[in-house]
Amino acid sequence: MRYLPLLLAFALASAGAAPRDDKTQAVYNYLLGIWGKQTLAGQADLTWRDSVDMAERVYHDTGKYPALMGYDFMNYYDTTEGDGHHQTEEAIAWAARGGLVSFHWHWRMENGKFYTKETPYRLPVADYRKIDEAIDRIAVELKRLQAANVPVLWRPLHEAAGGWFWWGTSREGHIALWRHMHERLTQTHQLRNLIWVWNGQDPSWYPGDDVVDLTGYDVYENNYAEAWRKTAQHGKPVALSETSHIPDLVDGQRWLWFMVWNDGAGPEGVTSPDNFWTGEYHNTNAHKRKIYGDPNVITLDRLPKF
């Protein structure tokens, strides 16, 4: 399957995961229309160091800005101020420049941890009260984004089948939690600015067409073809939702977008395995310029006004 025929794409648009406001629907229609033909350039923000501007680092190396920036609600588990508590503001500012916005959520529970080995929290659960308290905190931020007219490519519960996060401790629990979150955000909180991106890494963990708009796969090894086969079988557009290396964008694996993961604590210009963009450990500067200069790769300057 190289891409969805245009008529099928727009049929999917009318039968998506949830009601959408006009701007979010326009973004979704646009994504369906480019899938299989063009790819959005994406870059993950550095959540824990607000002073680092990953979009500027991309521009420094390529002369272009990404079309899509990825943000994280990781540090919104309490009201403490500090690094990582300004992701909503940064996303609103990026959208004001004409960019698209994605959010994922390293969901801290109990002791402020999210890795399975570091927290006692497990799925499935019978009592959703703690779950709902956390979802409601994030709903506040998503409502701020909605009020600012910012559509969000919403990618919660990512990499679940890997098992390293507490939301991946049960397949049945993951599916139930996804569907519960979908209901709470779209019905209880009446959010209309979300495009739901499922990134569970295993087809058997898929929660259902009625609660998923787009699919994604995270690749940090050279297994792009395998990832494509696993994700494309759902019949939804497929994104490379996290990656270390940007693969050559062959027609048979035309990702809807790629999202290079963020740098570590190192400064700009340092070649290090912890810097996923900066330096040449994961992507040479020549490769970055090649990808960002590809006429079928959409950068910020090539995005339409929604």
Protein backbone atom coordinates (compact mmCIF):
# COMPACT_ATOMS: atom_id res chain seq x y z
CA MET A 1 0.00 0.00 0.00
CA ARG A 2 1.71 3.19 -1.16
CA TYR A 3 -0.95 5.69 -0.07
CA LEU A 4 -4.70 6.02 0.37
CA PRO A 5 -6.60 7.08 -2.71
CA LEU A 6 -7.89 10.61 -2.33
CA LEU A 7 -11.56 9.67 -2.08
CA LEU A 8 -10.85 7.14 0.64
CA ALA A 9 -8.75 9.71 2.48
CA PHE A 10 -11.64 12.14 2.65
CA ALA A 11 -14.02 9.36 3.64
CA LEU A 12 -11.73 8.79 6.61
CA ALA A 13 -11.86 12.50 7.40
CA SER A 14 -15.62 12.36 7.89
CA ALA A 15 -15.39 9.21 9.98
CA GLY A 16 -12.53 10.12 12.31
CA ALA A 17 -12.02 9.51 15.98
CA ALA A 18 -13.93 12.50 17.36
CA PRO A 19 -15.72 15.74 16.42
CA ARG A 20 -13.32 18.54 15.48
CA ASP A 21 -13.45 22.30 15.25
CA ASP A 22 -13.09 23.84 11.80
CA LYS A 23 -9.35 24.51 11.95
CA THR A 24 -8.54 21.05 13.31
CA GLN A 25 -10.66 19.48 10.58
CA ALA A 26 -8.80 21.56 7.99
CA VAL A 27 -5.45 20.33 9.32
CA TYR A 28 -6.69 16.74 9.31
CA ASN A 29 -7.95 17.05 5.73
CA TYR A 30 -4.59 18.48 4.71
CA LEU A 31 -2.70 15.58 6.31
CA LEU A 32 -4.90 13.04 4.55
CA GLY A 33 -4.35 14.86 1.29
CA ILE A 34 -0.53 14.84 1.44
CA TRP A 35 -0.08 11.30 2.75
CA GLY A 36 1.78 9.12 0.30
CA LYS A 37 3.06 12.15 -1.62
CA GLN A 38 4.78 14.47 0.83
CA THR A 39 6.26 14.31 4.33
CA LEU A 40 6.24 16.88 7.12
CA ALA A 41 9.59 17.65 8.72
CA GLY A 42 9.26 17.40 12.50
CA GLN A 43 11.47 18.03 15.52
CA ALA A 44 10.89 17.21 19.19
CA ASP A 45 11.36 20.03 21.67
CA LEU A 46 13.76 19.67 24.59
CA THR A 47 11.22 19.47 27.39
CA TRP A 48 13.52 19.68 30.39
CA ARG A 49 15.55 22.66 29.18
CA ASP A 50 13.21 25.47 28.17
CA SER A 51 16.13 27.70 27.18
CA VAL A 52 17.06 25.36 24.30
CA ASP A 53 15.18 26.13 21.08
CA MET A 54 15.28 22.97 18.97
CA ALA A 55 13.60 24.69 16.02
CA GLU A 56 16.46 27.19 15.91
CA ARG A 57 18.98 24.34 16.00
CA VAL A 58 17.31 22.83 12.95
CA TYR A 59 17.40 26.19 11.18
CA HIS A 60 21.07 26.62 12.05
CA ASP A 61 21.94 23.37 10.27
CA THR A 62 19.55 23.45 7.31
CA GLY A 63 18.41 27.02 6.71
CA LYS A 64 14.82 25.89 7.20
CA TYR A 65 12.46 25.39 10.13
CA PRO A 66 10.49 22.17 10.71
CA ALA A 67 6.81 22.22 9.85
CA LEU A 68 5.93 20.32 13.02
CA MET A 69 7.23 20.67 16.58
CA GLY A 70 6.67 17.98 19.21
CA TYR A 71 6.04 18.91 22.85
CA ASP A 72 5.60 16.89 26.05
CA PHE A 73 3.37 17.24 29.14
CA MET A 74 5.91 15.24 31.15
CA ASN A 75 6.42 17.84 33.88
CA TYR A 76 2.77 18.82 34.32
CA TYR A 77 2.19 16.26 37.07
CA ASP A 78 2.35 18.95 39.75
CA THR A 79 2.12 22.74 39.97
CA THR A 80 5.81 23.32 40.58
CA GLU A 81 7.29 25.95 38.28
CA GLY A 82 10.50 25.27 36.43
CA ASP A 83 11.82 23.74 33.24
CA GLY A 84 9.23 21.83 31.26
CA HIS A 85 6.24 23.80 32.56
CA HIS A 86 6.05 26.11 29.54
CA GLN A 87 5.30 23.62 26.80
CA THR A 88 1.79 24.97 26.27
CA GLU A 89 3.08 28.52 25.82
CA GLU A 90 5.81 27.36 23.46
CA ALA A 91 3.29 25.40 21.39
CA ILE A 92 0.95 28.41 21.14
CA ALA A 93 3.88 30.58 20.03
CA TRP A 94 4.93 28.01 17.42
CA ALA A 95 1.38 27.77 16.05
CA ALA A 96 1.28 31.58 15.82
CA ARG A 97 4.26 31.31 13.44
CA GLY A 98 2.20 29.00 11.25
CA GLY A 99 3.64 25.71 12.50
CA LEU A 100 1.90 22.49 13.42
CA VAL A 101 1.93 21.10 16.94
CA SER A 102 2.21 17.58 18.36
CA PHE A 103 1.99 16.61 22.04
CA HIS A 104 2.96 13.36 23.75
CA TRP A 105 2.88 12.68 27.48
CA HIS A 106 5.44 10.90 29.61
CA TRP A 107 2.75 10.32 32.24
CA ARG A 108 4.12 10.49 35.76
CA MET A 109 2.08 8.66 38.42
CA GLU A 110 2.45 7.94 42.13
CA ASN A 111 6.06 8.86 42.90
CA GLY A 112 6.53 11.13 39.89
CA LYS A 113 8.01 8.35 37.72
CA PHE A 114 6.77 6.81 34.49
CA TYR A 115 9.09 3.86 33.85
CA THR A 116 7.62 0.50 34.85
CA LYS A 117 10.69 -0.38 36.93
CA GLU A 118 10.43 2.88 38.89
CA THR A 119 6.73 3.04 39.74
CA PRO A 120 4.31 0.57 41.35
CA TYR A 121 1.46 1.65 39.08
CA ARG A 122 0.13 -1.10 36.82
CA LEU A 123 -2.66 -1.78 34.32
CA PRO A 124 -5.43 -2.76 34.20
CA VAL A 125 -7.15 -0.73 36.89
CA ALA A 126 -10.67 -0.96 38.26
CA ASP A 127 -10.69 2.49 39.86
CA TYR A 128 -10.03 5.35 37.46
CA ARG A 129 -10.03 8.16 40.03
CA LYS A 130 -6.26 8.72 40.00
CA ILE A 131 -6.24 8.29 36.25
CA ASP A 132 -8.95 10.92 35.85
CA GLU A 133 -7.17 13.39 38.14
CA ALA A 134 -4.15 13.24 35.84
CA ILE A 135 -6.19 13.40 32.63
CA ASP A 136 -8.09 16.40 33.98
CA ARG A 137 -4.82 18.26 34.68
CA ILE A 138 -3.74 17.75 31.09
CA ALA A 139 -7.21 18.70 29.84
CA VAL A 140 -6.63 22.16 31.33
CA GLU A 141 -3.61 22.60 29.05
CA LEU A 142 -5.37 21.15 26.01
CA LYS A 143 -8.24 23.58 26.62
CA ARG A 144 -5.75 26.46 26.67
CA LEU A 145 -4.50 25.28 23.30
CA GLN A 146 -8.07 25.00 22.04
CA ALA A 147 -8.84 28.53 23.23
CA ALA A 148 -5.78 29.72 21.28
CA ASN A 149 -7.12 27.92 18.17
CA VAL A 150 -4.24 25.41 18.11
CA PRO A 151 -4.96 21.95 16.67
CA VAL A 152 -2.97 19.22 18.43
CA LEU A 153 -1.65 15.97 17.00
CA TRP A 154 -2.31 14.15 20.27
CA ARG A 155 -0.05 11.11 20.83
CA PRO A 156 -0.72 9.72 24.33
CA LEU A 157 0.27 6.33 25.78
CA HIS A 158 3.13 6.01 23.33
CA GLU A 159 5.32 2.91 22.88
CA ALA A 160 2.97 0.91 25.12
CA ALA A 161 3.82 -2.56 23.82
CA GLY A 162 7.45 -2.03 24.77
CA GLY A 163 6.48 -2.50 28.41
CA TRP A 164 8.96 0.03 29.78
CA PHE A 165 6.22 2.54 30.67
CA TRP A 166 3.51 1.76 33.25
CA TRP A 167 0.81 2.25 30.61
CA GLY A 168 2.32 -0.70 28.78
CA THR A 169 1.96 -3.28 31.53
CA SER A 170 -1.16 -4.86 30.00
CA ARG A 171 -2.48 -4.99 26.44
CA GLU A 172 -6.10 -5.08 27.60
CA GLY A 173 -5.39 -2.33 30.12
CA HIS A 174 -3.78 -0.15 27.46
CA ILE A 175 -6.75 -0.48 25.12
CA ALA A 176 -9.20 0.25 27.94
CA LEU A 177 -7.17 3.26 29.12
CA TRP A 178 -6.93 4.68 25.60
CA ARG A 179 -10.67 4.39 25.08
CA HIS A 180 -11.36 5.85 28.54
CA MET A 181 -9.06 8.81 27.88
CA HIS A 182 -10.69 9.38 24.50
CA GLU A 183 -14.14 9.49 26.06
CA ARG A 184 -13.07 11.76 28.92
CA LEU A 185 -11.28 14.31 26.72
CA THR A 186 -13.81 14.41 23.88
CA GLN A 187 -17.03 13.98 25.89
CA THR A 188 -16.46 15.12 29.47
CA HIS A 189 -14.09 17.95 28.51
CA GLN A 190 -15.59 18.60 25.05
CA LEU A 191 -12.19 19.02 23.39
CA ARG A 192 -12.47 19.54 19.63
CA ASN A 193 -8.86 20.36 18.74
CA LEU A 194 -7.39 16.85 18.96
CA ILE A 195 -6.21 14.58 16.14
CA TRP A 196 -5.62 11.21 17.79
CA VAL A 197 -2.31 9.54 16.93
CA TRP A 198 -1.88 5.94 18.13
CA ASN A 199 1.73 4.82 18.65
CA GLY A 200 1.48 1.52 20.52
CA GLN A 201 4.18 -0.30 18.48
CA ASP A 202 2.27 -3.60 18.21
CA PRO A 203 -0.81 -4.10 15.97
CA SER A 204 -2.49 -6.32 18.60
CA TRP A 205 -2.58 -3.32 20.98
CA TYR A 206 -4.62 -1.20 18.55
CA PRO A 207 -7.63 0.35 20.36
CA GLY A 208 -9.96 0.66 17.34
CA ASP A 209 -10.66 2.76 14.27
CA ASP A 210 -13.34 4.74 16.09
CA VAL A 211 -10.77 6.22 18.52
CA VAL A 212 -7.74 6.63 16.23
CA ASP A 213 -7.17 9.13 13.42
CA LEU A 214 -3.52 8.49 12.51
CA THR A 215 -0.90 5.92 13.45
CA GLY A 216 2.79 6.25 14.23
CA TYR A 217 5.83 4.15 14.95
CA ASP A 218 8.97 5.06 16.89
CA VAL A 219 12.20 3.80 15.32
CA TYR A 220 15.63 4.07 16.93
CA GLU A 221 17.11 1.12 15.04
CA ASN A 222 17.37 0.53 11.31
CA ASN A 223 14.06 -1.33 11.05
CA TYR A 224 11.96 1.16 9.12
CA ALA A 225 10.50 -1.40 6.71
CA GLU A 226 9.36 -3.63 9.57
CA ALA A 227 7.84 -0.67 11.40
CA TRP A 228 5.99 0.37 8.25
CA ARG A 229 4.50 -3.09 7.76
CA LYS A 230 3.27 -3.26 11.34
CA THR A 231 1.67 0.16 11.35
CA ALA A 232 0.31 0.43 7.81
CA GLN A 233 -1.95 -2.60 8.24
CA HIS A 234 -4.47 -0.46 10.16
CA GLY A 235 -5.28 1.46 6.97
CA LYS A 236 -4.53 4.82 8.58
CA PRO A 237 -1.85 7.31 7.53
CA VAL A 238 1.49 6.39 9.11
CA ALA A 239 3.95 8.77 10.78
CA LEU A 240 7.51 8.18 11.93
CA SER A 241 6.52 9.55 15.32
CA GLU A 242 10.01 9.40 16.88
CA THR A 243 13.33 8.63 15.28
CA SER A 244 17.05 9.06 15.73
CA HIS A 245 17.98 8.87 12.04
CA ILE A 246 15.91 10.36 9.23
CA PRO A 247 15.52 7.63 6.61
CA ASP A 248 15.57 8.38 2.92
CA LEU A 249 11.94 8.96 2.03
CA VAL A 250 11.26 6.23 -0.51
CA ASP A 251 7.81 6.09 -2.10
CA GLY A 252 6.99 2.69 -0.62
CA GLN A 253 7.47 4.06 2.90
CA ARG A 254 6.28 7.62 2.59
CA TRP A 255 5.85 8.61 6.23
CA LEU A 256 3.28 11.33 6.92
CA TRP A 257 5.90 13.05 9.08
CA PHE A 258 9.19 12.28 10.77
CA MET A 259 9.95 13.52 14.28
CA VAL A 260 13.64 13.60 15.21
CA TRP A 261 14.03 13.19 18.96
CA ASN A 262 15.48 16.05 20.98
CA ASP A 263 19.05 16.72 22.05
CA GLY A 264 20.42 15.77 25.45
CA ALA A 265 21.96 18.33 27.75
CA GLY A 266 24.88 19.00 25.41
CA PRO A 267 25.34 22.37 23.73
CA GLU A 268 24.74 23.08 20.07
CA GLY A 269 27.43 21.72 17.79
CA VAL A 270 28.41 18.76 19.98
CA THR A 271 28.48 15.33 18.36
CA SER A 272 27.11 12.91 20.96
CA PRO A 273 24.75 9.92 21.07
CA ASP A 274 22.62 12.02 23.43
CA ASN A 275 22.12 14.72 20.82
CA PHE A 276 19.65 13.33 18.33
CA TRP A 277 19.69 16.42 16.13
CA THR A 278 22.84 18.37 16.89
CA GLY A 279 26.13 17.00 15.63
CA GLU A 280 26.60 14.18 13.16
CA TYR A 281 26.24 11.07 15.33
CA HIS A 282 22.73 10.22 14.11
CA ASN A 283 22.44 12.36 10.97
CA THR A 284 25.26 13.97 9.04
CA ASN A 285 24.87 17.65 8.24
CA ALA A 286 24.83 16.75 4.54
CA HIS A 287 21.95 14.32 5.14
CA LYS A 288 19.99 16.90 7.15
CA ARG A 289 20.35 19.46 4.35
CA LYS A 290 19.42 16.84 1.76
CA ILE A 291 16.21 15.89 3.58
CA TYR A 292 15.19 19.47 4.40
CA GLY A 293 15.88 20.50 0.82
CA ASP A 294 13.81 17.68 -0.71
CA PRO A 295 10.89 19.24 -2.63
CA ASN A 296 8.57 16.61 -1.17
CA VAL A 297 9.52 17.41 2.43
CA ILE A 298 7.30 20.12 3.90
CA THR A 299 9.06 22.67 6.08
CA LEU A 300 7.52 25.63 7.90
CA ASP A 301 7.75 27.89 4.84
CA ARG A 302 5.86 25.32 2.74
CA LEU A 303 2.86 24.90 5.04
CA PRO A 304 -0.45 26.42 3.95
CA LYS A 305 -2.29 28.84 6.22
CA PHE A 306 -5.10 27.01 7.96
